[in-house]
N, C-alpha and C. Protein backbone atom coordinates (compact mmCIF):
# COMPACT_ATOMS: atom_id res chain seq x y z
N MET A 1 103.80 133.60 81.20
CA MET A 1 103.28 133.81 83.19
C MET A 1 104.73 134.53 83.50
N SER A 2 105.87 134.75 82.64
CA SER A 2 106.88 135.50 83.02
C SER A 2 106.20 136.85 83.02
N ARG A 3 105.15 137.17 81.94
CA ARG A 3 104.82 138.45 82.28
C ARG A 3 104.01 138.77 83.59
N LEU A 4 103.71 138.10 84.06
CA LEU A 4 102.78 138.25 85.24
C LEU A 4 103.69 138.24 86.49
N ILE A 5 104.91 137.55 86.52
CA ILE A 5 105.46 137.70 87.76
C ILE A 5 107.19 138.58 87.14
N LYS A 6 106.76 139.66 87.84
CA LYS A 6 107.90 140.25 88.12
C LYS A 6 108.84 140.86 89.05
N THR A 7 107.99 140.85 90.06
CA THR A 7 108.33 141.20 91.46
C THR A 7 108.06 140.13 92.43
N ASP A 8 108.68 140.03 93.71
CA ASP A 8 108.08 139.40 94.71
C ASP A 8 106.77 139.38 95.37
N ARG A 9 106.28 140.80 95.18
CA ARG A 9 105.21 140.80 95.05
C ARG A 9 103.90 140.38 94.34
N ASP A 10 104.34 140.60 93.18
CA ASP A 10 103.51 139.56 92.25
C ASP A 10 103.24 138.01 92.67
N VAL A 11 104.73 137.27 92.87
CA VAL A 11 104.25 136.21 93.31
C VAL A 11 103.48 135.90 94.45
N ALA A 12 103.50 136.57 95.40
CA ALA A 12 102.72 136.92 96.74
C ALA A 12 101.07 137.15 96.30
N THR A 13 100.98 137.98 95.32
CA THR A 13 99.58 138.18 95.16
C THR A 13 98.92 136.87 94.22
N ILE A 14 100.02 136.56 93.13
CA ILE A 14 99.27 135.01 92.77
C ILE A 14 98.79 134.15 93.94
N VAL A 15 100.06 133.75 94.56
CA VAL A 15 99.56 132.51 95.78
C VAL A 15 98.53 133.03 96.50
N GLY A 16 98.81 134.06 96.99
CA GLY A 16 97.37 134.21 97.66
C GLY A 16 96.10 134.42 96.96
N LYS A 17 96.23 134.87 95.56
CA LYS A 17 94.86 134.19 94.99
C LYS A 17 94.51 132.87 94.83
N LEU A 18 95.56 132.40 94.55
CA LEU A 18 95.52 130.65 94.63
C LEU A 18 94.93 130.26 95.95
N LEU A 19 95.35 130.61 97.00
CA LEU A 19 95.30 130.07 98.35
C LEU A 19 93.56 130.41 98.50
N ARG A 20 93.32 131.52 98.51
CA ARG A 20 91.88 132.01 98.47
C ARG A 20 90.85 131.38 97.76
N PHE A 21 91.07 131.08 96.37
CA PHE A 21 90.17 130.41 95.42
C PHE A 21 90.20 128.85 95.83
N GLY A 22 91.31 128.53 96.40
CA GLY A 22 90.90 127.01 96.64
C GLY A 22 90.27 126.99 97.90
N VAL A 23 90.38 127.64 98.63
CA VAL A 23 89.77 127.38 100.17
C VAL A 23 88.37 127.88 99.65
N LEU A 24 87.94 128.70 98.84
CA LEU A 24 86.46 129.19 98.83
C LEU A 24 85.76 128.00 98.21
N SER A 25 86.71 127.49 96.97
CA SER A 25 85.52 126.38 96.22
C SER A 25 85.41 125.39 96.84
N ALA A 26 86.77 125.02 98.08
CA ALA A 26 86.78 123.67 98.84
C ALA A 26 85.25 123.99 99.52
N CYS A 27 85.29 125.08 100.30
CA CYS A 27 84.08 125.12 101.16
C CYS A 27 82.68 125.39 100.20
N LEU A 28 82.73 125.92 99.14
CA LEU A 28 81.37 125.72 98.46
C LEU A 28 81.06 124.51 97.97
N VAL A 29 82.17 123.64 97.64
CA VAL A 29 81.60 122.32 97.18
C VAL A 29 81.09 121.49 98.35
N ALA A 30 82.02 121.69 99.64
CA ALA A 30 81.90 120.86 100.84
C ALA A 30 80.06 121.28 101.14
N VAL A 31 80.03 122.35 101.07
CA VAL A 31 78.67 122.96 101.82
C VAL A 31 77.49 122.61 100.78
N ILE A 32 77.86 122.61 99.42
CA ILE A 32 76.73 121.66 98.35
C ILE A 32 76.43 120.22 98.72
N GLY A 33 77.57 119.66 98.94
CA GLY A 33 77.42 118.33 99.64
C GLY A 33 76.76 118.29 100.68
N GLY A 34 77.06 118.97 101.87
CA GLY A 34 76.35 118.82 103.16
C GLY A 34 74.81 119.21 102.93
N LEU A 35 74.34 120.03 102.12
CA LEU A 35 73.18 120.61 101.89
C LEU A 35 72.19 119.14 101.19
N MET A 36 72.96 118.85 100.07
CA MET A 36 72.53 117.49 99.65
C MET A 36 72.28 116.43 100.63
N PHE A 37 73.28 116.02 101.18
CA PHE A 37 73.20 115.14 102.45
C PHE A 37 71.90 115.51 103.11
N LEU A 38 71.71 116.52 104.00
CA LEU A 38 70.78 117.02 104.40
C LEU A 38 69.64 116.86 103.83
N LEU A 39 69.36 117.14 102.65
CA LEU A 39 68.16 116.97 101.94
C LEU A 39 67.86 115.56 101.56
N LEU A 40 68.81 114.78 101.71
CA LEU A 40 68.35 113.15 101.02
C LEU A 40 68.01 112.39 102.27
N HIS A 41 68.54 112.92 103.29
CA HIS A 41 68.62 112.00 104.59
C HIS A 41 67.93 112.56 105.90
N ARG A 42 67.34 113.56 105.38
CA ARG A 42 66.72 114.22 106.55
C ARG A 42 65.63 113.58 107.50
N SER A 43 65.04 112.69 106.84
CA SER A 43 63.84 111.96 107.51
C SER A 43 64.63 110.75 108.31
N GLU A 44 66.05 110.48 108.09
CA GLU A 44 66.59 109.24 108.77
C GLU A 44 66.51 109.81 110.25
N PRO A 45 66.88 108.78 111.08
CA PRO A 45 67.08 108.99 112.56
C PRO A 45 68.75 109.33 112.84
N SER A 46 68.90 110.37 113.59
CA SER A 46 70.69 110.25 113.80
C SER A 46 71.01 109.45 115.20
N ASP A 47 72.41 108.57 114.89
CA ASP A 47 72.74 107.91 116.15
C ASP A 47 74.24 108.43 116.00
N PHE A 48 74.35 109.51 117.20
CA PHE A 48 75.94 109.46 117.44
C PHE A 48 76.68 108.77 118.63
N THR A 49 76.17 107.75 118.98
CA THR A 49 76.53 107.18 120.17
C THR A 49 77.96 106.53 119.56
N GLN A 50 77.77 106.01 118.51
CA GLN A 50 79.39 105.45 117.86
C GLN A 50 79.78 105.97 116.65
N PHE A 51 81.13 106.16 116.74
CA PHE A 51 81.73 106.66 115.31
C PHE A 51 81.56 105.88 114.23
N ARG A 52 81.00 106.23 113.24
CA ARG A 52 81.45 105.38 111.83
C ARG A 52 82.22 106.28 110.91
N GLY A 53 83.42 105.78 110.52
CA GLY A 53 84.17 106.67 109.34
C GLY A 53 83.42 106.92 108.19
N ALA A 54 83.93 107.27 107.22
CA ALA A 54 83.54 107.34 105.80
C ALA A 54 83.72 105.90 105.29
N PRO A 55 82.33 105.48 104.64
CA PRO A 55 82.38 104.21 103.91
C PRO A 55 83.59 103.91 102.97
N GLN A 56 83.92 102.77 102.60
CA GLN A 56 84.85 102.19 101.84
C GLN A 56 85.35 102.87 100.66
N TYR A 57 84.33 103.12 100.05
CA TYR A 57 84.21 103.10 98.28
C TYR A 57 84.57 104.87 98.66
N LEU A 58 84.62 105.81 99.64
CA LEU A 58 85.03 106.95 99.66
C LEU A 58 86.39 107.18 100.26
N ARG A 59 87.12 106.02 100.22
CA ARG A 59 88.44 106.29 100.66
C ARG A 59 89.55 106.19 99.80
N SER A 60 89.18 106.51 98.12
CA SER A 60 90.03 106.13 96.84
C SER A 60 89.49 107.37 96.17
N LEU A 61 90.51 108.15 95.04
CA LEU A 61 90.18 108.79 94.36
C LEU A 61 89.11 108.31 93.49
N GLU A 62 89.22 107.29 92.76
CA GLU A 62 88.29 106.44 92.03
C GLU A 62 86.79 106.16 92.72
N GLY A 63 86.82 105.96 93.95
CA GLY A 63 85.36 106.02 94.23
C GLY A 63 84.89 107.27 94.58
N ILE A 64 85.54 108.05 94.98
CA ILE A 64 84.99 109.62 95.27
C ILE A 64 84.64 110.27 93.54
N TYR A 65 85.73 109.62 92.96
CA TYR A 65 84.93 109.96 91.30
C TYR A 65 83.67 109.32 90.65
N GLY A 66 83.51 108.31 91.33
CA GLY A 66 82.05 107.32 90.77
C GLY A 66 81.35 107.98 91.75
N GLY A 67 81.05 108.16 92.49
CA GLY A 67 80.29 108.94 93.64
C GLY A 67 80.00 110.18 93.28
N LEU A 68 80.81 110.93 92.47
CA LEU A 68 80.45 111.94 91.92
C LEU A 68 79.38 112.01 90.80
N LEU A 69 79.99 110.97 89.85
CA LEU A 69 79.06 110.64 88.53
C LEU A 69 77.67 110.28 89.34
N ALA A 70 77.76 109.68 90.31
CA ALA A 70 76.33 109.30 90.78
C ALA A 70 75.55 110.44 91.66
N PHE A 71 75.97 111.46 92.01
CA PHE A 71 75.68 112.61 92.60
C PHE A 71 75.45 112.34 93.93
N ASP A 72 76.43 111.47 94.82
CA ASP A 72 76.39 110.93 96.24
C ASP A 72 76.84 112.10 96.78
N ALA A 73 76.27 112.39 97.69
CA ALA A 73 76.24 113.29 98.84
C ALA A 73 77.86 113.57 99.31
N ARG A 74 77.88 112.25 99.66
CA ARG A 74 79.26 112.19 100.53
C ARG A 74 80.46 112.20 99.80
N ALA A 75 80.19 112.02 98.42
CA ALA A 75 81.19 111.87 97.58
C ALA A 75 81.60 113.48 97.35
N VAL A 76 80.67 114.38 97.14
CA VAL A 76 80.41 115.82 97.09
C VAL A 76 81.38 116.19 98.26
N ILE A 77 81.00 115.93 99.49
CA ILE A 77 81.69 116.21 100.51
C ILE A 77 83.45 115.93 100.53
N GLN A 78 83.63 114.73 100.33
CA GLN A 78 84.85 114.41 100.06
C GLN A 78 85.71 115.14 99.12
N ALA A 79 84.82 115.34 98.06
CA ALA A 79 85.49 116.35 96.93
C ALA A 79 86.16 117.64 97.28
N GLY A 80 85.38 118.11 98.35
CA GLY A 80 85.57 119.36 99.04
C GLY A 80 87.03 119.13 99.58
N VAL A 81 87.14 118.13 100.56
CA VAL A 81 88.21 117.83 101.43
C VAL A 81 89.12 117.79 100.47
N ILE A 82 89.17 116.95 99.53
CA ILE A 82 90.35 116.89 98.52
C ILE A 82 91.17 118.16 97.88
N ILE A 83 89.76 118.93 97.42
CA ILE A 83 90.26 120.47 97.05
C ILE A 83 91.05 121.07 97.98
N LEU A 84 90.50 121.22 99.16
CA LEU A 84 91.21 121.92 100.35
C LEU A 84 92.65 121.16 100.67
N ILE A 85 92.72 119.92 100.64
CA ILE A 85 94.03 119.13 100.70
C ILE A 85 94.98 119.77 99.57
N ALA A 86 94.53 119.64 98.40
CA ALA A 86 95.35 120.02 97.12
C ALA A 86 95.75 121.42 97.01
N THR A 87 94.94 122.08 97.76
CA THR A 87 95.48 123.80 97.72
C THR A 87 96.75 123.99 97.93
N PRO A 88 97.52 123.60 99.10
CA PRO A 88 98.55 123.91 99.30
C PRO A 88 99.59 123.17 98.81
N ILE A 89 99.62 122.25 98.40
CA ILE A 89 100.14 121.28 97.39
C ILE A 89 100.38 122.26 96.17
N LEU A 90 99.21 122.89 95.39
CA LEU A 90 99.46 123.51 94.32
C LEU A 90 100.24 124.58 94.42
N ARG A 91 100.05 125.39 95.82
CA ARG A 91 100.86 126.44 96.13
C ARG A 91 102.33 126.16 95.87
N VAL A 92 102.52 124.86 96.33
CA VAL A 92 104.07 124.79 96.31
C VAL A 92 104.72 124.54 94.90
N VAL A 93 103.72 123.55 94.25
CA VAL A 93 103.86 123.81 92.74
C VAL A 93 104.21 124.59 92.04
N LEU A 94 103.36 125.95 92.13
CA LEU A 94 103.31 127.32 91.36
C LEU A 94 104.73 127.95 92.12
N SER A 95 104.88 127.68 93.26
CA SER A 95 106.28 128.45 93.78
C SER A 95 107.20 127.93 93.10
N ILE A 96 107.36 126.17 92.77
CA ILE A 96 108.56 126.06 91.87
C ILE A 96 108.63 126.80 90.67
N PHE A 97 107.41 127.00 89.88
CA PHE A 97 107.70 127.72 88.33
C PHE A 97 107.91 129.64 88.90
N ALA A 98 107.36 129.82 89.73
CA ALA A 98 107.63 131.20 90.08
C ALA A 98 109.50 131.42 90.52
N PHE A 99 110.11 130.56 91.31
CA PHE A 99 111.30 130.56 91.27
C PHE A 99 112.19 130.18 90.11
N ALA A 100 111.60 129.56 89.50
CA ALA A 100 112.50 129.39 88.28
C ALA A 100 112.49 130.46 87.49
N LEU A 101 111.39 130.99 87.42
CA LEU A 101 111.20 132.40 86.32
C LEU A 101 111.88 133.40 86.78
N GLU A 102 112.01 133.36 88.18
CA GLU A 102 113.02 134.74 88.56
C GLU A 102 114.41 134.23 88.92
N GLY A 103 114.67 133.13 88.59
CA GLY A 103 116.15 132.40 88.49
C GLY A 103 116.56 131.99 89.83
N ASP A 104 115.70 131.97 90.73
CA ASP A 104 116.58 131.62 92.34
C ASP A 104 116.47 129.90 92.26
N TYR A 105 117.60 129.50 91.63
CA TYR A 105 117.44 127.61 91.58
C TYR A 105 117.62 127.19 92.82
N LEU A 106 118.35 128.03 93.65
CA LEU A 106 118.20 127.02 95.05
C LEU A 106 117.07 127.11 95.54
N TYR A 107 116.27 128.02 95.63
CA TYR A 107 114.62 128.00 96.21
C TYR A 107 114.08 126.90 95.17
N VAL A 108 114.22 126.82 93.99
CA VAL A 108 113.82 125.74 93.32
C VAL A 108 113.82 124.56 93.84
N VAL A 109 115.46 123.76 93.95
CA VAL A 109 115.58 122.61 94.57
C VAL A 109 114.96 122.63 96.19
N ILE A 110 115.02 123.38 96.65
CA ILE A 110 114.52 123.27 97.96
C ILE A 110 113.02 123.08 98.06
N THR A 111 112.21 124.00 97.08
CA THR A 111 111.06 123.42 96.90
C THR A 111 110.52 122.41 96.51
N VAL A 112 111.32 121.67 95.50
CA VAL A 112 111.24 120.57 95.03
C VAL A 112 111.43 119.54 95.96
N ILE A 113 112.44 119.55 96.87
CA ILE A 113 112.63 118.78 97.90
C ILE A 113 111.22 118.62 98.62
N VAL A 114 110.61 119.74 99.14
CA VAL A 114 109.41 120.00 99.78
C VAL A 114 108.48 119.16 99.20
N LEU A 115 108.25 119.50 97.98
CA LEU A 115 107.13 118.51 96.86
C LEU A 115 107.21 117.28 97.05
N LEU A 116 108.37 116.75 97.22
CA LEU A 116 108.57 115.33 97.32
C LEU A 116 108.18 114.85 98.52
N ILE A 117 108.93 115.46 99.93
CA ILE A 117 108.57 115.11 100.83
C ILE A 117 106.96 114.92 101.30
N ILE A 118 106.03 116.11 100.74
CA ILE A 118 104.94 115.78 100.49
C ILE A 118 104.09 114.41 100.13
N CYS A 119 104.85 114.29 98.84
CA CYS A 119 104.34 113.45 97.97
C CYS A 119 104.70 111.73 98.78
N VAL A 120 105.58 111.76 99.31
CA VAL A 120 106.08 110.65 99.78
C VAL A 120 105.41 110.57 101.19
N GLY A 121 104.99 111.44 101.97
CA GLY A 121 104.05 111.39 103.00
C GLY A 121 102.69 111.15 102.56
N MET A 122 102.22 111.25 101.61
CA MET A 122 100.91 111.19 101.23
C MET A 122 100.60 109.78 100.46
N PHE A 123 101.52 109.46 99.45
CA PHE A 123 101.61 108.25 98.84
C PHE A 123 102.37 107.32 99.33
N GLY A 124 103.07 107.37 100.21
CA GLY A 124 104.10 106.25 100.70
C GLY A 124 103.84 105.88 102.10
N GLY A 125 102.82 106.49 102.66
CA GLY A 125 102.24 105.99 104.02
C GLY A 125 101.82 104.70 104.06
N LEU A 126 101.52 104.36 105.09
CA LEU A 126 101.08 103.06 105.62
C LEU A 126 99.25 103.20 105.26
N ALA A 127 98.98 102.26 104.14
CA ALA A 127 97.61 102.06 104.10
C ALA A 127 96.76 101.49 105.22
N GLY A 128 95.91 102.13 105.52
CA GLY A 128 94.85 101.77 106.52
C GLY A 128 93.20 101.95 106.74
């Protein structure tokens, strides 16, 4: 990877490609899930008078994974959302490695702190 990263511009290019790929793949997965849902549920009447959140089984990574194995359209949509959420987190992880390769250890420490804050916010929050 050190051959790929020679300048700050190289880092910016790699990060830009990562973000672009993440967003495009998340959109593609979510659109595929949406089309699956529309095809499978097109004859069902719609009721938008009351909000219904995601089913309970789609509120965990294990449930989403099981839904993907069962070709559940809602699980495919949720997977697209997870990819979208994971994209900027992967950017932070990539930045840690890029700063380490450049020798900018102050930025490595700062970026690790940012990653820890993100992780605590995601996994240390209240379950609800």
